[in-house]
């Protein structure tokens, strides 16, 4: 049965600085690069037919380090449909400073609600509305052909995919946190139904 492997990128500079990153193209930290290499070690031995990543370099560099550690050259498709959630006016702001400016309760709603976006940004619901059609058309299209697929993207784009695969409600997905560079390995039927799920750590 085909496998789908989801990986959030390794720690980025703004993850480290606790800033809202969104679509800003920030680099991986040394720790993020080490996390990516560790993910590559955990995935060594898996056969991969195609990889998908976002339009942002922190995901692309994580994928490159995973492939390098695995010693493989994977055909790769990059698409902004897999980009992180756009945080709008919050992008670049430190999370503690943002809470001081807008109030902790309001920032919590923007960060953790399903359907309330920050000013000029995306909610998880809006992120899913661009990520899932691409996932269903392209990624599940490869799964239907029996291909093993690696997706290296972001916390929220991957959360929207996990929400669909794991059949999580809007309330349940709010408690879902994906660690940096931790592979989730799904075994799927060729129609995209989940047979098994494993977290490699």
N, C-alpha and C. Protein backbone atom coordinates (compact mmCIF):
# COMPACT_ATOMS: atom_id res chain seq x y z
N UNK A 1 0.84 -1.20 0.00
CA UNK A 1 0.00 0.00 0.00
C UNK A 1 0.87 1.25 0.00
N UNK A 2 0.42 2.30 -0.69
CA UNK A 2 1.24 3.52 -0.75
C UNK A 2 1.34 4.21 0.61
N UNK A 3 2.44 4.93 0.80
CA UNK A 3 2.67 5.67 2.04
C UNK A 3 2.67 7.17 1.76
N UNK A 4 2.12 7.91 2.71
CA UNK A 4 2.17 9.37 2.71
C UNK A 4 2.90 9.78 3.97
N UNK A 5 3.99 10.53 3.80
CA UNK A 5 4.79 10.99 4.93
C UNK A 5 4.70 12.50 5.01
N UNK A 6 4.21 13.01 6.14
CA UNK A 6 4.09 14.45 6.36
C UNK A 6 5.17 14.90 7.34
N UNK A 7 5.88 15.97 6.99
CA UNK A 7 6.91 16.52 7.88
C UNK A 7 6.76 18.04 7.92
N UNK A 8 6.66 18.59 9.11
CA UNK A 8 6.77 20.04 9.26
C UNK A 8 8.25 20.41 9.19
N UNK A 9 8.56 21.57 8.64
CA UNK A 9 9.97 21.99 8.53
C UNK A 9 10.64 22.05 9.90
N UNK A 10 11.97 22.03 9.88
CA UNK A 10 12.74 22.18 11.12
C UNK A 10 12.60 23.59 11.70
N UNK A 11 13.11 23.75 12.90
CA UNK A 11 12.99 25.06 13.58
C UNK A 11 13.54 26.18 12.70
N UNK A 12 12.76 27.25 12.58
CA UNK A 12 13.22 28.43 11.83
C UNK A 12 13.69 29.50 12.81
N UNK A 13 14.33 30.52 12.26
CA UNK A 13 14.84 31.61 13.10
C UNK A 13 13.70 32.27 13.88
N UNK A 14 12.56 32.46 13.24
CA UNK A 14 11.45 33.13 13.93
C UNK A 14 10.70 32.19 14.86
N UNK A 15 10.76 30.87 14.62
CA UNK A 15 10.28 29.94 15.65
C UNK A 15 11.08 30.16 16.93
N UNK A 16 12.40 30.25 16.75
CA UNK A 16 13.31 30.44 17.89
C UNK A 16 13.00 31.75 18.61
N UNK A 17 12.72 32.79 17.83
CA UNK A 17 12.47 34.12 18.40
C UNK A 17 11.01 34.32 18.80
N UNK A 18 10.19 33.27 18.64
CA UNK A 18 8.77 33.31 19.02
C UNK A 18 8.02 34.44 18.31
N UNK A 19 8.27 34.53 16.99
CA UNK A 19 7.60 35.54 16.17
C UNK A 19 6.64 34.86 15.20
N UNK A 20 5.58 35.57 14.83
CA UNK A 20 4.65 35.07 13.82
C UNK A 20 5.36 35.11 12.47
N UNK A 21 5.45 33.96 11.82
CA UNK A 21 6.24 33.86 10.60
C UNK A 21 5.37 33.92 9.35
N UNK A 22 4.42 33.00 9.24
CA UNK A 22 3.53 33.00 8.08
C UNK A 22 4.29 32.85 6.77
N UNK A 23 4.08 33.80 5.86
CA UNK A 23 4.68 33.70 4.53
C UNK A 23 6.03 34.39 4.42
N UNK A 24 6.54 34.95 5.53
CA UNK A 24 7.86 35.56 5.49
C UNK A 24 8.90 34.45 5.35
N UNK A 25 9.86 34.64 4.45
CA UNK A 25 10.81 33.58 4.11
C UNK A 25 12.02 33.64 5.02
N UNK A 26 11.93 33.01 6.17
CA UNK A 26 13.04 33.03 7.13
C UNK A 26 13.80 31.70 7.07
N UNK A 27 15.10 31.72 7.42
CA UNK A 27 15.91 30.51 7.31
C UNK A 27 15.74 29.57 8.49
N UNK A 28 16.23 28.36 8.31
CA UNK A 28 16.34 27.41 9.41
C UNK A 28 17.45 27.83 10.36
N UNK A 29 17.30 27.46 11.62
CA UNK A 29 18.40 27.61 12.58
C UNK A 29 19.32 26.38 12.48
N UNK A 30 20.43 26.44 13.20
CA UNK A 30 21.29 25.25 13.27
C UNK A 30 20.51 24.07 13.83
N UNK A 31 19.68 24.34 14.85
CA UNK A 31 18.87 23.26 15.41
C UNK A 31 17.88 22.73 14.37
N UNK A 32 17.29 23.64 13.58
CA UNK A 32 16.35 23.22 12.53
C UNK A 32 17.01 22.33 11.50
N UNK A 33 18.25 22.67 11.13
CA UNK A 33 18.97 21.82 10.17
C UNK A 33 19.29 20.45 10.78
N UNK A 34 19.64 20.45 12.07
CA UNK A 34 19.90 19.17 12.75
C UNK A 34 18.62 18.34 12.83
N UNK A 35 17.48 19.00 13.09
CA UNK A 35 16.20 18.29 13.13
C UNK A 35 15.87 17.66 11.78
N UNK A 36 16.15 18.40 10.71
CA UNK A 36 15.88 17.89 9.37
C UNK A 36 16.74 16.66 9.08
N UNK A 37 18.00 16.73 9.47
CA UNK A 37 18.89 15.58 9.24
C UNK A 37 18.42 14.37 10.06
N UNK A 38 17.97 14.62 11.27
CA UNK A 38 17.45 13.53 12.11
C UNK A 38 16.23 12.89 11.44
N UNK A 39 15.35 13.72 10.86
CA UNK A 39 14.19 13.18 10.15
C UNK A 39 14.64 12.31 8.98
N UNK A 40 15.70 12.74 8.28
CA UNK A 40 16.24 11.95 7.18
C UNK A 40 16.74 10.59 7.65
N UNK A 41 17.40 10.58 8.82
CA UNK A 41 17.86 9.30 9.39
C UNK A 41 16.67 8.40 9.72
N UNK A 42 15.62 9.00 10.32
CA UNK A 42 14.43 8.21 10.69
C UNK A 42 13.74 7.63 9.46
N UNK A 43 13.87 8.32 8.32
CA UNK A 43 13.19 7.88 7.10
C UNK A 43 14.07 7.03 6.20
N UNK A 44 15.33 6.85 6.58
CA UNK A 44 16.21 6.03 5.74
C UNK A 44 15.63 4.62 5.63
N UNK A 45 15.62 4.10 4.43
CA UNK A 45 15.02 2.80 4.21
C UNK A 45 13.65 2.89 3.58
N UNK A 46 13.00 4.05 3.69
CA UNK A 46 11.71 4.24 3.01
C UNK A 46 11.96 4.54 1.53
N UNK A 47 11.15 3.95 0.70
CA UNK A 47 11.23 4.24 -0.74
C UNK A 47 10.26 5.38 -1.03
N UNK A 48 10.79 6.44 -1.65
CA UNK A 48 9.96 7.61 -1.96
C UNK A 48 9.94 7.83 -3.47
N UNK A 49 8.76 8.07 -4.01
CA UNK A 49 8.62 8.28 -5.45
C UNK A 49 8.54 9.75 -5.83
N UNK A 50 7.98 10.58 -4.96
CA UNK A 50 7.81 12.00 -5.27
C UNK A 50 7.71 12.77 -3.96
N UNK A 51 8.16 14.02 -3.99
CA UNK A 51 8.06 14.89 -2.82
C UNK A 51 7.34 16.18 -3.20
N UNK A 52 6.64 16.72 -2.21
CA UNK A 52 5.98 18.01 -2.35
C UNK A 52 6.47 18.93 -1.25
N UNK A 53 6.61 20.21 -1.58
CA UNK A 53 6.97 21.20 -0.58
C UNK A 53 6.32 22.52 -0.94
N UNK A 54 6.47 23.49 -0.04
CA UNK A 54 5.82 24.79 -0.24
C UNK A 54 6.71 25.72 -1.05
N UNK A 55 6.28 26.97 -1.18
CA UNK A 55 7.07 27.97 -1.85
C UNK A 55 8.07 28.65 -0.95
N UNK A 56 8.20 28.20 0.30
CA UNK A 56 9.06 28.86 1.29
C UNK A 56 10.31 28.04 1.56
N UNK A 57 11.44 28.76 1.69
CA UNK A 57 12.73 28.06 1.71
C UNK A 57 12.93 27.21 2.97
N UNK A 58 12.30 27.55 4.09
CA UNK A 58 12.52 26.73 5.29
C UNK A 58 11.99 25.31 5.08
N UNK A 59 10.90 25.17 4.32
CA UNK A 59 10.39 23.84 4.00
C UNK A 59 11.26 23.18 2.92
N UNK A 60 11.64 23.95 1.91
CA UNK A 60 12.47 23.41 0.83
C UNK A 60 13.82 22.94 1.35
N UNK A 61 14.42 23.72 2.25
CA UNK A 61 15.73 23.33 2.80
C UNK A 61 15.61 22.11 3.71
N UNK A 62 14.51 22.01 4.45
CA UNK A 62 14.29 20.82 5.27
C UNK A 62 14.20 19.59 4.38
N UNK A 63 13.45 19.69 3.29
CA UNK A 63 13.33 18.58 2.35
C UNK A 63 14.70 18.20 1.77
N UNK A 64 15.48 19.21 1.39
CA UNK A 64 16.81 18.94 0.80
C UNK A 64 17.71 18.20 1.79
N UNK A 65 17.65 18.59 3.07
CA UNK A 65 18.48 17.93 4.08
C UNK A 65 18.00 16.52 4.36
N UNK A 66 16.68 16.32 4.36
CA UNK A 66 16.14 14.96 4.53
C UNK A 66 16.63 14.06 3.40
N UNK A 67 16.49 14.55 2.16
CA UNK A 67 16.90 13.75 1.00
C UNK A 67 18.40 13.46 1.02
N UNK A 68 19.18 14.47 1.42
CA UNK A 68 20.64 14.29 1.50
C UNK A 68 20.99 13.22 2.53
N UNK A 69 20.33 13.27 3.68
CA UNK A 69 20.60 12.29 4.73
C UNK A 69 20.18 10.89 4.30
N UNK A 70 19.09 10.81 3.52
CA UNK A 70 18.62 9.51 3.02
C UNK A 70 19.46 9.01 1.85
N UNK A 71 20.23 9.92 1.23
CA UNK A 71 21.04 9.55 0.07
C UNK A 71 20.20 9.31 -1.17
N UNK A 72 19.12 10.10 -1.32
CA UNK A 72 18.23 9.92 -2.46
C UNK A 72 18.02 11.25 -3.18
N UNK A 73 17.62 11.15 -4.44
CA UNK A 73 17.26 12.31 -5.24
C UNK A 73 15.78 12.14 -5.60
N UNK A 74 14.92 12.93 -4.98
CA UNK A 74 13.48 12.74 -5.12
C UNK A 74 12.91 13.80 -6.06
N UNK A 75 12.17 13.40 -7.09
CA UNK A 75 11.46 14.39 -7.91
C UNK A 75 10.57 15.24 -7.00
N UNK A 76 10.66 16.57 -7.15
CA UNK A 76 10.01 17.46 -6.19
C UNK A 76 9.11 18.48 -6.88
N UNK A 77 7.94 18.68 -6.30
CA UNK A 77 6.98 19.68 -6.77
C UNK A 77 6.83 20.72 -5.68
N UNK A 78 7.03 21.99 -6.04
CA UNK A 78 6.87 23.10 -5.08
C UNK A 78 5.59 23.85 -5.42
N UNK A 79 4.79 24.15 -4.40
CA UNK A 79 3.56 24.90 -4.65
C UNK A 79 3.17 25.71 -3.41
N UNK A 80 2.78 26.97 -3.64
CA UNK A 80 2.39 27.85 -2.55
C UNK A 80 1.10 27.41 -1.87
N UNK A 81 0.37 26.47 -2.48
CA UNK A 81 -0.82 25.93 -1.81
C UNK A 81 -0.45 25.27 -0.49
N UNK A 82 0.81 24.84 -0.36
CA UNK A 82 1.28 24.20 0.87
C UNK A 82 1.97 25.18 1.83
N UNK A 83 1.96 26.48 1.49
CA UNK A 83 2.58 27.47 2.37
C UNK A 83 1.92 27.48 3.74
N UNK A 84 2.69 28.01 4.70
CA UNK A 84 2.16 28.21 6.05
C UNK A 84 0.94 29.13 6.00
N UNK A 85 0.14 29.07 7.03
CA UNK A 85 -0.95 30.03 7.21
C UNK A 85 -0.40 31.45 7.17
N UNK A 86 -1.09 32.35 6.46
CA UNK A 86 -0.67 33.75 6.38
C UNK A 86 -1.18 34.47 7.63
N UNK A 87 -0.26 35.03 8.40
CA UNK A 87 -0.64 35.68 9.65
C UNK A 87 -0.95 37.16 9.49
N UNK A 88 -0.99 37.66 8.26
CA UNK A 88 -1.42 39.03 8.02
C UNK A 88 -0.61 40.06 8.79
N UNK A 89 -1.32 40.95 9.51
CA UNK A 89 -0.67 42.04 10.21
C UNK A 89 0.20 41.58 11.38
N UNK A 90 0.07 40.30 11.76
CA UNK A 90 0.87 39.78 12.88
C UNK A 90 2.25 39.30 12.43
N UNK A 91 2.45 39.13 11.14
CA UNK A 91 3.72 38.56 10.66
C UNK A 91 4.91 39.43 11.10
N UNK A 92 5.91 38.77 11.69
CA UNK A 92 7.10 39.46 12.15
C UNK A 92 7.03 39.93 13.59
N UNK A 93 5.82 39.93 14.17
CA UNK A 93 5.69 40.41 15.55
C UNK A 93 6.00 39.30 16.54
N UNK A 94 6.66 39.67 17.62
CA UNK A 94 6.89 38.74 18.73
C UNK A 94 5.55 38.42 19.40
N UNK A 95 5.34 37.17 19.76
CA UNK A 95 4.03 36.76 20.27
C UNK A 95 3.69 37.42 21.60
N UNK A 96 4.67 37.61 22.47
CA UNK A 96 4.41 38.28 23.75
C UNK A 96 4.07 39.74 23.53
N UNK A 97 4.78 40.41 22.63
CA UNK A 97 4.49 41.81 22.32
C UNK A 97 3.11 41.96 21.68
N UNK A 98 2.75 40.99 20.84
CA UNK A 98 1.43 41.02 20.20
C UNK A 98 0.33 40.89 21.23
N UNK A 99 0.54 40.03 22.23
CA UNK A 99 -0.44 39.87 23.30
C UNK A 99 -0.57 41.15 24.11
N UNK A 100 0.55 41.84 24.34
CA UNK A 100 0.51 43.10 25.08
C UNK A 100 -0.24 44.17 24.29
N UNK A 101 -0.10 44.14 22.97
CA UNK A 101 -0.71 45.16 22.11
C UNK A 101 -2.21 44.93 21.90
N UNK A 102 -2.60 43.67 21.62
CA UNK A 102 -3.98 43.38 21.26
C UNK A 102 -4.78 42.71 22.39
N UNK A 103 -4.06 42.26 23.42
CA UNK A 103 -4.71 41.51 24.49
C UNK A 103 -4.50 40.03 24.29
N UNK A 104 -4.15 39.33 25.37
CA UNK A 104 -3.83 37.90 25.28
C UNK A 104 -5.02 37.09 24.78
N UNK A 105 -6.22 37.46 25.20
CA UNK A 105 -7.40 36.69 24.81
C UNK A 105 -7.65 36.80 23.30
N UNK A 106 -7.51 38.01 22.75
CA UNK A 106 -7.72 38.19 21.31
C UNK A 106 -6.66 37.43 20.51
N UNK A 107 -5.41 37.50 20.94
CA UNK A 107 -4.34 36.79 20.22
C UNK A 107 -4.56 35.28 20.30
N UNK A 108 -5.03 34.81 21.44
CA UNK A 108 -5.33 33.37 21.58
C UNK A 108 -6.41 32.96 20.57
N UNK A 109 -7.42 33.79 20.41
CA UNK A 109 -8.48 33.50 19.44
C UNK A 109 -7.90 33.45 18.02
N UNK A 110 -7.09 34.43 17.67
CA UNK A 110 -6.49 34.43 16.33
C UNK A 110 -5.62 33.19 16.10
N UNK A 111 -4.87 32.80 17.13
CA UNK A 111 -3.94 31.69 16.96
C UNK A 111 -4.64 30.34 16.97
N UNK A 112 -5.65 30.18 17.84
CA UNK A 112 -6.15 28.84 18.11
C UNK A 112 -7.57 28.56 17.63
N UNK A 113 -8.30 29.60 17.19
CA UNK A 113 -9.64 29.30 16.69
C UNK A 113 -9.52 28.70 15.28
N UNK A 114 -10.58 28.06 14.85
CA UNK A 114 -10.58 27.44 13.52
C UNK A 114 -10.90 28.45 12.43
N UNK A 115 -11.81 29.39 12.72
CA UNK A 115 -12.36 30.21 11.64
C UNK A 115 -12.26 31.72 11.84
N UNK A 116 -11.47 32.18 12.83
CA UNK A 116 -11.29 33.62 13.03
C UNK A 116 -9.88 34.01 12.59
N UNK A 117 -9.74 34.73 11.47
CA UNK A 117 -8.40 35.09 11.00
C UNK A 117 -7.87 36.32 11.70
N UNK A 118 -6.55 36.47 11.80
CA UNK A 118 -5.98 37.73 12.27
C UNK A 118 -6.20 38.80 11.20
N UNK A 119 -6.02 40.08 11.54
CA UNK A 119 -6.24 41.14 10.55
C UNK A 119 -5.41 40.91 9.28
N UNK A 120 -6.10 40.89 8.14
CA UNK A 120 -5.47 40.71 6.82
C UNK A 120 -4.75 39.37 6.67
N UNK A 121 -5.14 38.38 7.47
CA UNK A 121 -4.50 37.08 7.41
C UNK A 121 -5.49 35.95 7.20
N UNK A 122 -5.01 34.73 7.44
CA UNK A 122 -5.80 33.52 7.23
C UNK A 122 -6.09 32.83 8.55
N UNK A 123 -7.28 32.27 8.67
CA UNK A 123 -7.60 31.32 9.73
C UNK A 123 -7.14 29.94 9.27
N UNK A 124 -7.22 28.96 10.16
CA UNK A 124 -6.92 27.58 9.75
C UNK A 124 -7.92 27.13 8.69
N UNK A 125 -9.16 27.57 8.82
CA UNK A 125 -10.18 27.23 7.83
C UNK A 125 -9.80 27.73 6.44
N UNK A 126 -9.33 28.98 6.35
CA UNK A 126 -8.92 29.53 5.05
C UNK A 126 -7.67 28.84 4.52
N UNK A 127 -6.76 28.49 5.42
CA UNK A 127 -5.57 27.74 5.00
C UNK A 127 -5.98 26.40 4.39
N UNK A 128 -6.91 25.72 5.05
CA UNK A 128 -7.38 24.42 4.55
C UNK A 128 -8.05 24.56 3.18
N UNK A 129 -8.72 25.69 2.96
CA UNK A 129 -9.43 25.88 1.69
C UNK A 129 -8.49 26.01 0.50
N UNK A 130 -7.22 26.37 0.74
CA UNK A 130 -6.26 26.36 -0.37
C UNK A 130 -5.38 25.11 -0.38
N UNK A 131 -5.13 24.56 0.83
CA UNK A 131 -4.25 23.39 0.91
C UNK A 131 -4.97 22.11 0.47
N UNK A 132 -6.20 21.89 0.93
CA UNK A 132 -6.86 20.61 0.69
C UNK A 132 -7.22 20.34 -0.77
N UNK A 133 -7.68 21.33 -1.55
CA UNK A 133 -7.92 21.01 -2.98
C UNK A 133 -6.65 20.56 -3.69
N UNK A 134 -5.51 21.19 -3.35
CA UNK A 134 -4.23 20.77 -3.94
C UNK A 134 -3.87 19.37 -3.47
N UNK A 135 -4.05 19.12 -2.17
CA UNK A 135 -3.78 17.79 -1.61
C UNK A 135 -4.60 16.72 -2.31
N UNK A 136 -5.89 16.99 -2.46
CA UNK A 136 -6.78 15.99 -3.05
C UNK A 136 -6.47 15.76 -4.53
N UNK A 137 -6.18 16.84 -5.24
CA UNK A 137 -5.95 16.73 -6.68
C UNK A 137 -4.58 16.11 -7.00
N UNK A 138 -3.55 16.64 -6.37
CA UNK A 138 -2.18 16.26 -6.76
C UNK A 138 -1.61 15.13 -5.89
N UNK A 139 -1.62 15.33 -4.59
CA UNK A 139 -0.97 14.36 -3.70
C UNK A 139 -1.74 13.05 -3.66
N UNK A 140 -3.06 13.14 -3.46
CA UNK A 140 -3.84 11.90 -3.49
C UNK A 140 -3.89 11.31 -4.89
N UNK A 141 -3.68 12.14 -5.91
CA UNK A 141 -3.56 11.61 -7.28
C UNK A 141 -2.36 10.68 -7.42
N UNK A 142 -1.24 11.05 -6.77
CA UNK A 142 -0.07 10.17 -6.77
C UNK A 142 -0.31 8.92 -5.92
N UNK A 143 -0.98 9.10 -4.78
CA UNK A 143 -1.31 7.94 -3.93
C UNK A 143 -2.15 6.94 -4.73
N UNK A 144 -3.10 7.46 -5.52
CA UNK A 144 -3.98 6.59 -6.31
C UNK A 144 -3.20 5.76 -7.33
N UNK A 145 -2.01 6.28 -7.71
CA UNK A 145 -1.15 5.53 -8.63
C UNK A 145 -0.19 4.59 -7.89
N UNK A 146 -0.36 4.49 -6.58
CA UNK A 146 0.48 3.60 -5.79
C UNK A 146 1.83 4.17 -5.41
N UNK A 147 2.01 5.50 -5.55
CA UNK A 147 3.30 6.12 -5.25
C UNK A 147 3.42 6.43 -3.76
N UNK A 148 4.65 6.36 -3.26
CA UNK A 148 4.97 6.80 -1.91
C UNK A 148 5.33 8.28 -1.96
N UNK A 149 4.67 9.08 -1.15
CA UNK A 149 4.77 10.54 -1.25
C UNK A 149 5.28 11.14 0.06
N UNK A 150 6.25 12.06 -0.05
CA UNK A 150 6.74 12.84 1.09
C UNK A 150 6.28 14.28 0.92
N UNK A 151 5.65 14.83 1.96
CA UNK A 151 5.23 16.23 1.95
C UNK A 151 5.97 16.94 3.08
N UNK A 152 6.80 17.92 2.72
CA UNK A 152 7.50 18.72 3.72
C UNK A 152 6.94 20.14 3.63
N UNK A 153 6.16 20.52 4.65
CA UNK A 153 5.49 21.82 4.58
C UNK A 153 5.53 22.49 5.95
N UNK A 154 4.37 22.88 6.47
CA UNK A 154 4.33 23.78 7.63
C UNK A 154 3.30 23.29 8.65
N UNK A 155 3.38 23.87 9.84
CA UNK A 155 2.49 23.45 10.91
C UNK A 155 1.03 23.48 10.52
N UNK A 156 0.58 24.59 9.93
CA UNK A 156 -0.85 24.73 9.66
C UNK A 156 -1.29 24.08 8.35
N UNK A 157 -0.47 24.12 7.32
CA UNK A 157 -0.87 23.42 6.09
C UNK A 157 -0.91 21.92 6.35
N UNK A 158 0.06 21.41 7.11
CA UNK A 158 0.03 19.98 7.45
C UNK A 158 -1.11 19.65 8.42
N UNK A 159 -1.43 20.58 9.34
CA UNK A 159 -2.56 20.33 10.25
C UNK A 159 -3.86 20.16 9.46
N UNK A 160 -4.03 20.94 8.41
CA UNK A 160 -5.27 20.82 7.63
C UNK A 160 -5.35 19.46 6.94
N UNK A 161 -4.20 18.94 6.51
CA UNK A 161 -4.17 17.61 5.89
C UNK A 161 -4.45 16.53 6.94
N UNK A 162 -3.81 16.64 8.09
CA UNK A 162 -4.04 15.66 9.17
C UNK A 162 -5.50 15.71 9.62
N UNK A 163 -6.06 16.90 9.68
CA UNK A 163 -7.47 17.03 10.06
C UNK A 163 -8.36 16.18 9.16
N UNK A 164 -8.07 16.23 7.85
CA UNK A 164 -8.87 15.44 6.91
C UNK A 164 -8.59 13.95 7.06
N UNK A 165 -7.31 13.58 7.11
CA UNK A 165 -6.95 12.16 7.18
C UNK A 165 -7.46 11.51 8.45
N UNK A 166 -7.33 12.22 9.59
CA UNK A 166 -7.71 11.67 10.89
C UNK A 166 -9.17 11.94 11.24
N UNK A 167 -9.87 12.61 10.31
CA UNK A 167 -11.30 12.94 10.51
C UNK A 167 -11.53 13.69 11.82
N UNK A 168 -10.72 14.73 12.04
CA UNK A 168 -10.84 15.54 13.25
C UNK A 168 -11.92 16.60 13.07
N UNK A 169 -12.62 16.91 14.14
CA UNK A 169 -13.60 17.99 14.11
C UNK A 169 -12.88 19.34 14.20
N UNK A 170 -13.63 20.42 13.99
CA UNK A 170 -13.06 21.76 14.12
C UNK A 170 -12.55 22.00 15.53
N UNK A 171 -13.18 21.39 16.52
CA UNK A 171 -12.73 21.54 17.90
C UNK A 171 -11.49 20.68 18.16
N UNK A 172 -11.48 19.46 17.65
CA UNK A 172 -10.36 18.54 17.90
C UNK A 172 -9.06 19.04 17.28
N UNK A 173 -9.15 19.66 16.09
CA UNK A 173 -7.93 20.08 15.41
C UNK A 173 -7.23 21.21 16.16
N UNK A 174 -7.97 21.94 16.99
CA UNK A 174 -7.36 23.04 17.74
C UNK A 174 -6.32 22.54 18.73
N UNK A 175 -6.44 21.30 19.16
CA UNK A 175 -5.48 20.71 20.10
C UNK A 175 -4.35 19.95 19.41
N UNK A 176 -4.35 19.98 18.09
CA UNK A 176 -3.31 19.26 17.33
C UNK A 176 -2.09 20.14 17.13
N UNK A 177 -0.97 19.69 17.65
CA UNK A 177 0.30 20.39 17.45
C UNK A 177 1.29 19.43 16.79
N UNK A 178 1.93 19.90 15.74
CA UNK A 178 2.91 19.08 15.02
C UNK A 178 4.31 19.57 15.35
N UNK A 179 5.14 18.67 15.85
CA UNK A 179 6.51 19.03 16.18
C UNK A 179 7.33 19.31 14.93
N UNK A 180 8.38 20.12 15.08
CA UNK A 180 9.24 20.42 13.94
C UNK A 180 10.02 19.17 13.53
N UNK A 181 9.96 18.88 12.23
CA UNK A 181 10.71 17.79 11.60
C UNK A 181 10.45 16.42 12.23
N UNK A 182 9.20 16.20 12.65
CA UNK A 182 8.79 14.88 13.17
C UNK A 182 7.94 14.21 12.08
N UNK A 183 8.43 13.12 11.47
CA UNK A 183 7.67 12.49 10.38
C UNK A 183 6.42 11.76 10.88
N UNK A 184 5.31 12.02 10.20
CA UNK A 184 4.08 11.24 10.37
C UNK A 184 3.95 10.34 9.15
N UNK A 185 3.91 9.05 9.37
CA UNK A 185 3.86 8.09 8.26
C UNK A 185 2.49 7.45 8.21
N UNK A 186 1.77 7.73 7.14
CA UNK A 186 0.46 7.12 6.91
C UNK A 186 0.58 6.04 5.85
N UNK A 187 -0.05 4.92 6.10
CA UNK A 187 -0.25 3.91 5.06
C UNK A 187 -1.70 4.07 4.60
N UNK A 188 -1.87 4.29 3.30
CA UNK A 188 -3.19 4.58 2.76
C UNK A 188 -3.61 3.54 1.74
N UNK A 189 -4.90 3.41 1.56
CA UNK A 189 -5.38 2.67 0.39
C UNK A 189 -5.21 3.59 -0.81
N UNK A 190 -5.37 3.04 -2.00
CA UNK A 190 -5.20 3.88 -3.18
C UNK A 190 -6.37 4.85 -3.37
N UNK A 191 -7.42 4.71 -2.56
CA UNK A 191 -8.50 5.69 -2.55
C UNK A 191 -8.28 6.76 -1.48
N UNK A 192 -7.17 6.66 -0.74
CA UNK A 192 -6.82 7.68 0.25
C UNK A 192 -7.32 7.42 1.65
N UNK A 193 -7.89 6.25 1.92
CA UNK A 193 -8.35 5.92 3.27
C UNK A 193 -7.14 5.49 4.13
N UNK A 194 -7.14 5.91 5.38
CA UNK A 194 -6.02 5.60 6.28
C UNK A 194 -6.12 4.16 6.77
N UNK A 195 -5.00 3.43 6.62
CA UNK A 195 -4.91 2.06 7.14
C UNK A 195 -4.13 2.08 8.46
N UNK A 196 -2.96 2.74 8.46
CA UNK A 196 -2.17 2.87 9.68
C UNK A 196 -1.56 4.26 9.73
N UNK A 197 -1.21 4.69 10.96
CA UNK A 197 -0.51 5.95 11.16
C UNK A 197 0.58 5.72 12.19
N UNK A 198 1.76 6.23 11.90
CA UNK A 198 2.89 6.06 12.81
C UNK A 198 3.62 7.41 12.93
N UNK A 199 3.99 7.78 14.16
CA UNK A 199 4.80 8.98 14.38
C UNK A 199 6.21 8.52 14.67
N UNK A 200 7.18 8.96 13.86
CA UNK A 200 8.58 8.57 14.05
C UNK A 200 9.26 9.57 14.95
N UNK A 201 9.82 9.08 16.04
CA UNK A 201 10.50 10.01 16.95
C UNK A 201 11.68 9.33 17.62
